[in-house]
Amino acid sequence: MHIGLYFGSFNPIHIGHLIVANHVVNHTEVDKIWFVVSPHNPLKDSHSLLNEYDRLHLVNLAIEDNNKFRGSNVEFSLPKPSYTIDTLTYLTEKFPLERFSVILGADSFQNIHRWKNFELLLARYSFVVYNRQGFEIEDTYGANVTILDAPLLQISSTYIRKLIKEKKSIKYIVPELVEEYIIANRYYLK
């Protein structure tokens, strides 16, 4: 089986993430997508991160009706901060019959040279890169890269957290169950 690993903070997950994931399943050889919730991205500030178990719960609420999607806590038990090469090495050893690809935006792929052991990552694994406005992929570093024009919305988790702090609606930006859970638990208000 070909599994696409969609790494992210998902702080919180939103419909933009889900649209990209659905597009990848519909338009590539990827059979299933695992949303890999990262406890701490080494390239991002972690001060505004909701607890990783709460973020995983929100992911699972968002995808519960789609059997092609799965939330993954694999990085919770790995050393922190999380590095993609370490996670992929672990998953490849644990699931030797599966084929893994990394799903990421063109903006992230442009920074791949900053990732730990990026040469090894590029040599061993394939990538599904979705275009993002203003970020053209000019160099694939010889990697196996599929570039997609996925439907994109100008939505970010940062924007959603800002709306919440301002006590504004996040309806239609996140799945309904996610919205209800965030409100009920007063997430992102501090």
Foldseek 3Di string as FASTA:
>chain_A
DEEEEEEDQCLPPWVQVVQLLVVCCVPHPHQAYEYENFQDDPVDDCPQRDGSVVRLVLVCVQCVVPPRYHYDPQNVPPDPPDAPVVSVVVVCVVCVVYAYEYEEELVVQVVLVVGPPSVVVQVRHEYEYEYDPPRDDPDSVPGRYHYHPGDGDPDDSVVVLVCLLVVHDCPPGHPPVSRVVCVVVVRSND
